[in-house]
């Protein structure tokens, strides 16, 4: 019985060694392939950057046009929103800062 267990363990070890040898046999990527991958990644980053910048500009233009229209069309509404922002912004900031400080504390 002991002999068969030893044989089984030896065969498992040999199988594992073969797997390790197969892992080592893989050749690393060539310098040319690595450069191509880097170039592709840079191109993807460039496209993502331009997409993000264009979304930013469209959003900024939209917000500025809404801002200008609200000043021209309904100055009372604009002033009400501004006063509300002046009143509620510090309250919201206080709540957010307090919540951030509470997250860092350990429960007692």
N, C-alpha and C. Protein backbone atom coordinates (compact mmCIF):
# COMPACT_ATOMS: atom_id res chain seq x y z
N UNK A 1 0.83 -1.19 0.00
CA UNK A 1 0.00 0.00 0.00
C UNK A 1 0.87 1.25 0.00
N UNK A 2 1.89 1.20 0.82
CA UNK A 2 2.77 2.36 0.91
C UNK A 2 3.51 2.59 -0.40
N UNK A 3 3.85 1.51 -1.04
CA UNK A 3 4.60 1.59 -2.29
C UNK A 3 3.75 2.23 -3.39
N UNK A 4 2.46 1.92 -3.45
CA UNK A 4 1.59 2.50 -4.47
C UNK A 4 1.37 4.00 -4.23
N UNK A 5 1.30 4.40 -2.96
CA UNK A 5 1.16 5.83 -2.64
C UNK A 5 2.40 6.59 -3.07
N UNK A 6 3.56 6.00 -2.85
CA UNK A 6 4.81 6.64 -3.27
C UNK A 6 4.85 6.79 -4.78
N UNK A 7 4.44 5.74 -5.48
CA UNK A 7 4.42 5.79 -6.94
C UNK A 7 3.45 6.87 -7.43
N UNK A 8 2.33 6.97 -6.76
CA UNK A 8 1.34 7.99 -7.14
C UNK A 8 1.90 9.39 -6.93
N UNK A 9 2.56 9.60 -5.81
CA UNK A 9 3.17 10.91 -5.54
C UNK A 9 4.27 11.22 -6.52
N UNK A 10 5.05 10.22 -6.87
CA UNK A 10 6.13 10.42 -7.84
C UNK A 10 5.55 10.80 -9.19
N UNK A 11 4.48 10.13 -9.61
CA UNK A 11 3.87 10.46 -10.91
C UNK A 11 3.27 11.88 -10.89
N UNK A 12 2.67 12.26 -9.76
CA UNK A 12 2.16 13.63 -9.64
C UNK A 12 3.28 14.65 -9.72
N UNK A 13 4.39 14.37 -9.05
CA UNK A 13 5.54 15.28 -9.11
C UNK A 13 6.08 15.39 -10.53
N UNK A 14 6.17 14.27 -11.21
CA UNK A 14 6.66 14.30 -12.59
C UNK A 14 5.72 15.11 -13.48
N UNK A 15 4.44 14.95 -13.27
CA UNK A 15 3.46 15.72 -14.04
C UNK A 15 3.62 17.22 -13.77
N UNK A 16 3.79 17.58 -12.50
CA UNK A 16 3.99 18.99 -12.14
C UNK A 16 5.28 19.53 -12.74
N UNK A 17 6.33 18.72 -12.74
CA UNK A 17 7.60 19.17 -13.33
C UNK A 17 7.45 19.43 -14.82
N UNK A 18 6.69 18.57 -15.49
CA UNK A 18 6.46 18.77 -16.92
C UNK A 18 5.71 20.08 -17.16
N UNK A 19 4.72 20.35 -16.31
CA UNK A 19 3.98 21.61 -16.44
C UNK A 19 4.90 22.81 -16.23
N UNK A 20 5.80 22.73 -15.25
CA UNK A 20 6.75 23.83 -15.03
C UNK A 20 7.68 23.99 -16.22
N UNK A 21 8.12 22.89 -16.79
CA UNK A 21 8.99 22.98 -17.98
C UNK A 21 8.26 23.62 -19.14
N UNK A 22 6.97 23.30 -19.30
CA UNK A 22 6.20 23.90 -20.39
C UNK A 22 6.03 25.40 -20.18
N UNK A 23 5.88 25.83 -18.94
CA UNK A 23 5.77 27.26 -18.67
C UNK A 23 7.06 27.98 -19.02
N UNK A 24 8.19 27.35 -18.77
CA UNK A 24 9.48 27.97 -19.06
C UNK A 24 9.82 27.98 -20.53
N UNK A 25 9.18 27.11 -21.31
CA UNK A 25 9.50 27.01 -22.73
C UNK A 25 8.94 28.15 -23.56
N UNK A 26 7.98 28.86 -23.03
CA UNK A 26 7.39 29.96 -23.79
C UNK A 26 8.42 31.06 -23.99
N UNK A 27 8.52 31.50 -25.22
CA UNK A 27 9.49 32.56 -25.51
C UNK A 27 8.88 33.91 -25.17
N UNK A 28 9.68 34.82 -24.65
CA UNK A 28 9.14 36.15 -24.33
C UNK A 28 8.84 36.92 -25.61
N UNK A 29 7.98 37.92 -25.46
CA UNK A 29 7.61 38.74 -26.61
C UNK A 29 8.83 39.50 -27.11
N UNK A 30 8.89 39.66 -28.40
CA UNK A 30 10.02 40.38 -28.98
C UNK A 30 9.88 41.88 -28.71
N UNK A 31 10.96 42.58 -28.91
CA UNK A 31 10.97 44.02 -28.68
C UNK A 31 10.00 44.71 -29.63
N UNK A 32 9.93 44.21 -30.85
CA UNK A 32 9.01 44.80 -31.84
C UNK A 32 7.56 44.64 -31.40
N UNK A 33 7.21 43.46 -30.89
CA UNK A 33 5.84 43.25 -30.42
C UNK A 33 5.52 44.16 -29.24
N UNK A 34 6.47 44.32 -28.34
CA UNK A 34 6.26 45.18 -27.18
C UNK A 34 6.07 46.63 -27.62
N UNK A 35 6.87 47.07 -28.58
CA UNK A 35 6.73 48.44 -29.09
C UNK A 35 5.37 48.64 -29.76
N UNK A 36 4.90 47.62 -30.49
CA UNK A 36 3.59 47.72 -31.12
C UNK A 36 2.48 47.81 -30.07
N UNK A 37 2.59 47.01 -29.02
CA UNK A 37 1.59 47.06 -27.95
C UNK A 37 1.59 48.42 -27.26
N UNK A 38 2.77 48.97 -27.05
CA UNK A 38 2.88 50.29 -26.42
C UNK A 38 2.25 51.35 -27.32
N UNK A 39 2.51 51.27 -28.61
CA UNK A 39 1.94 52.24 -29.55
C UNK A 39 0.42 52.13 -29.58
N UNK A 40 -0.11 50.91 -29.56
CA UNK A 40 -1.56 50.73 -29.54
C UNK A 40 -2.16 51.30 -28.26
N UNK A 41 -1.51 51.07 -27.14
CA UNK A 41 -2.01 51.59 -25.87
C UNK A 41 -1.99 53.11 -25.85
N UNK A 42 -0.92 53.70 -26.38
CA UNK A 42 -0.84 55.16 -26.45
C UNK A 42 -1.95 55.72 -27.33
N UNK A 43 -2.23 55.05 -28.43
CA UNK A 43 -3.30 55.50 -29.33
C UNK A 43 -4.66 55.43 -28.64
N UNK A 44 -4.89 54.36 -27.87
CA UNK A 44 -6.14 54.24 -27.13
C UNK A 44 -6.26 55.35 -26.09
N UNK A 45 -5.17 55.64 -25.40
CA UNK A 45 -5.19 56.70 -24.40
C UNK A 45 -5.44 58.06 -25.05
N UNK A 46 -4.85 58.27 -26.21
CA UNK A 46 -5.02 59.53 -26.92
C UNK A 46 -6.48 59.72 -27.33
N UNK A 47 -7.10 58.64 -27.87
CA UNK A 47 -8.51 58.73 -28.26
C UNK A 47 -9.39 58.98 -27.04
N UNK A 48 -9.10 58.29 -25.94
CA UNK A 48 -9.90 58.48 -24.73
C UNK A 48 -9.76 59.90 -24.20
N UNK A 49 -8.55 60.46 -24.28
CA UNK A 49 -8.33 61.83 -23.83
C UNK A 49 -9.12 62.81 -24.67
N UNK A 50 -9.07 62.66 -26.00
CA UNK A 50 -9.81 63.58 -26.87
C UNK A 50 -11.31 63.46 -26.65
N UNK A 51 -11.78 62.25 -26.43
CA UNK A 51 -13.20 62.05 -26.15
C UNK A 51 -13.59 62.76 -24.85
N UNK A 52 -12.76 62.60 -23.83
CA UNK A 52 -13.05 63.23 -22.54
C UNK A 52 -13.01 64.76 -22.63
N UNK A 53 -12.05 65.29 -23.35
CA UNK A 53 -11.95 66.75 -23.51
C UNK A 53 -13.14 67.28 -24.30
N UNK A 54 -13.56 66.56 -25.33
CA UNK A 54 -14.70 67.03 -26.11
C UNK A 54 -15.98 67.00 -25.27
N UNK A 55 -16.16 65.97 -24.46
CA UNK A 55 -17.33 65.93 -23.57
C UNK A 55 -17.28 67.08 -22.57
N UNK A 56 -16.09 67.37 -22.07
CA UNK A 56 -15.93 68.49 -21.13
C UNK A 56 -16.33 69.81 -21.78
N UNK A 57 -15.85 70.06 -23.01
CA UNK A 57 -16.16 71.31 -23.67
C UNK A 57 -17.65 71.42 -24.00
N UNK A 58 -18.26 70.36 -24.45
CA UNK A 58 -19.69 70.39 -24.75
C UNK A 58 -20.48 70.69 -23.49
N UNK A 59 -20.10 70.04 -22.38
CA UNK A 59 -20.79 70.29 -21.11
C UNK A 59 -20.59 71.73 -20.65
N UNK A 60 -19.37 72.24 -20.78
CA UNK A 60 -19.09 73.61 -20.38
C UNK A 60 -19.89 74.61 -21.22
N UNK A 61 -19.96 74.40 -22.51
CA UNK A 61 -20.72 75.29 -23.37
C UNK A 61 -22.20 75.23 -23.03
N UNK A 62 -22.70 74.02 -22.77
CA UNK A 62 -24.10 73.86 -22.39
C UNK A 62 -24.40 74.61 -21.09
N UNK A 63 -23.56 74.45 -20.10
CA UNK A 63 -23.77 75.14 -18.83
C UNK A 63 -23.69 76.65 -18.98
N UNK A 64 -22.72 77.12 -19.74
CA UNK A 64 -22.61 78.57 -19.94
C UNK A 64 -23.81 79.13 -20.71
N UNK A 65 -24.30 78.39 -21.68
CA UNK A 65 -25.46 78.89 -22.42
C UNK A 65 -26.70 78.91 -21.53
N UNK A 66 -26.88 77.90 -20.69
CA UNK A 66 -28.01 77.91 -19.75
C UNK A 66 -27.87 79.06 -18.78
N UNK A 67 -26.67 79.29 -18.31
CA UNK A 67 -26.39 80.40 -17.40
C UNK A 67 -26.73 81.74 -18.05
N UNK A 68 -26.31 81.94 -19.28
CA UNK A 68 -26.59 83.20 -19.97
C UNK A 68 -28.08 83.37 -20.25
N UNK A 69 -28.73 82.28 -20.64
CA UNK A 69 -30.17 82.36 -20.90
C UNK A 69 -30.94 82.67 -19.63
N UNK A 70 -30.52 82.11 -18.51
CA UNK A 70 -31.24 82.38 -17.26
C UNK A 70 -31.06 83.83 -16.82
N UNK A 71 -29.91 84.41 -17.09
CA UNK A 71 -29.71 85.82 -16.75
C UNK A 71 -30.60 86.71 -17.61
N UNK A 72 -30.67 86.40 -18.89
CA UNK A 72 -31.42 87.24 -19.82
C UNK A 72 -32.93 87.03 -19.68
N UNK A 73 -33.36 85.79 -19.62
CA UNK A 73 -34.79 85.47 -19.65
C UNK A 73 -35.48 85.66 -18.29
N UNK A 74 -34.81 85.21 -17.22
CA UNK A 74 -35.47 85.25 -15.91
C UNK A 74 -34.45 85.63 -14.83
N UNK A 75 -34.18 86.92 -14.70
CA UNK A 75 -33.18 87.33 -13.71
C UNK A 75 -33.60 87.02 -12.27
N UNK A 76 -34.90 87.00 -11.99
CA UNK A 76 -35.36 86.71 -10.63
C UNK A 76 -35.04 85.25 -10.28
N UNK A 77 -35.28 84.36 -11.21
CA UNK A 77 -34.98 82.94 -10.96
C UNK A 77 -33.47 82.76 -10.79
N UNK A 78 -32.70 83.44 -11.61
CA UNK A 78 -31.25 83.35 -11.51
C UNK A 78 -30.77 83.82 -10.14
N UNK A 79 -31.27 84.97 -9.70
CA UNK A 79 -30.86 85.49 -8.40
C UNK A 79 -31.30 84.57 -7.26
N UNK A 80 -32.48 83.96 -7.39
CA UNK A 80 -32.96 83.02 -6.37
C UNK A 80 -32.04 81.80 -6.29
N UNK A 81 -31.67 81.28 -7.42
CA UNK A 81 -30.75 80.13 -7.44
C UNK A 81 -29.40 80.50 -6.83
N UNK A 82 -28.91 81.69 -7.14
CA UNK A 82 -27.62 82.11 -6.59
C UNK A 82 -27.68 82.27 -5.08
N UNK A 83 -28.72 82.88 -4.58
CA UNK A 83 -28.88 83.05 -3.13
C UNK A 83 -29.02 81.68 -2.46
N UNK A 84 -29.78 80.78 -3.07
CA UNK A 84 -29.91 79.43 -2.52
C UNK A 84 -28.58 78.71 -2.48
N UNK A 85 -27.78 78.90 -3.51
CA UNK A 85 -26.47 78.27 -3.54
C UNK A 85 -25.57 78.83 -2.45
N UNK A 86 -25.64 80.14 -2.22
CA UNK A 86 -24.83 80.77 -1.18
C UNK A 86 -25.23 80.27 0.19
N UNK A 87 -26.52 80.03 0.40
CA UNK A 87 -27.00 79.57 1.70
C UNK A 87 -26.72 78.08 1.89
N UNK A 88 -27.01 77.25 0.89
CA UNK A 88 -26.93 75.81 1.06
C UNK A 88 -25.54 75.22 0.83
N UNK A 89 -24.68 75.88 0.10
CA UNK A 89 -23.34 75.34 -0.17
C UNK A 89 -22.53 75.13 1.11
N UNK A 90 -22.47 76.10 2.04
CA UNK A 90 -21.71 75.85 3.26
C UNK A 90 -22.31 74.71 4.11
N UNK A 91 -23.62 74.58 4.11
CA UNK A 91 -24.26 73.51 4.88
C UNK A 91 -23.89 72.15 4.29
N UNK A 92 -23.97 72.05 3.00
CA UNK A 92 -23.61 70.79 2.33
C UNK A 92 -22.13 70.49 2.54
N UNK A 93 -21.29 71.50 2.43
CA UNK A 93 -19.86 71.30 2.66
C UNK A 93 -19.60 70.81 4.08
N UNK A 94 -20.26 71.40 5.06
CA UNK A 94 -20.09 70.98 6.45
C UNK A 94 -20.49 69.51 6.64
N UNK A 95 -21.63 69.12 6.06
CA UNK A 95 -22.10 67.73 6.19
C UNK A 95 -21.11 66.76 5.54
N UNK A 96 -20.61 67.12 4.37
CA UNK A 96 -19.67 66.24 3.68
C UNK A 96 -18.35 66.11 4.43
N UNK A 97 -17.85 67.21 4.96
CA UNK A 97 -16.60 67.16 5.73
C UNK A 97 -16.78 66.34 7.00
N UNK A 98 -17.91 66.52 7.66
CA UNK A 98 -18.18 65.77 8.88
C UNK A 98 -18.27 64.28 8.57
N UNK A 99 -18.95 63.93 7.49
CA UNK A 99 -19.07 62.53 7.10
C UNK A 99 -17.70 61.94 6.78
N UNK A 100 -16.85 62.71 6.13
CA UNK A 100 -15.49 62.24 5.78
C UNK A 100 -14.68 62.00 7.05
N UNK A 101 -14.80 62.88 8.04
CA UNK A 101 -14.07 62.70 9.30
C UNK A 101 -14.59 61.48 10.04
N UNK A 102 -15.90 61.26 10.01
CA UNK A 102 -16.48 60.12 10.72
C UNK A 102 -16.07 58.79 10.08
N UNK A 103 -15.81 58.77 8.80
CA UNK A 103 -15.38 57.54 8.14
C UNK A 103 -14.01 57.10 8.64
N UNK A 104 -13.16 58.06 9.00
CA UNK A 104 -11.80 57.75 9.44
C UNK A 104 -11.74 57.25 10.87
N UNK A 105 -12.77 57.48 11.66
CA UNK A 105 -12.76 57.07 13.08
C UNK A 105 -13.10 55.60 13.22
N UNK A 106 -12.50 55.00 14.26
CA UNK A 106 -12.78 53.61 14.57
C UNK A 106 -13.99 53.58 15.50
N UNK A 107 -14.89 52.65 15.26
CA UNK A 107 -16.08 52.54 16.08
C UNK A 107 -15.69 52.17 17.51
N UNK A 108 -16.33 52.81 18.48
CA UNK A 108 -15.99 52.57 19.89
C UNK A 108 -17.04 51.75 20.57
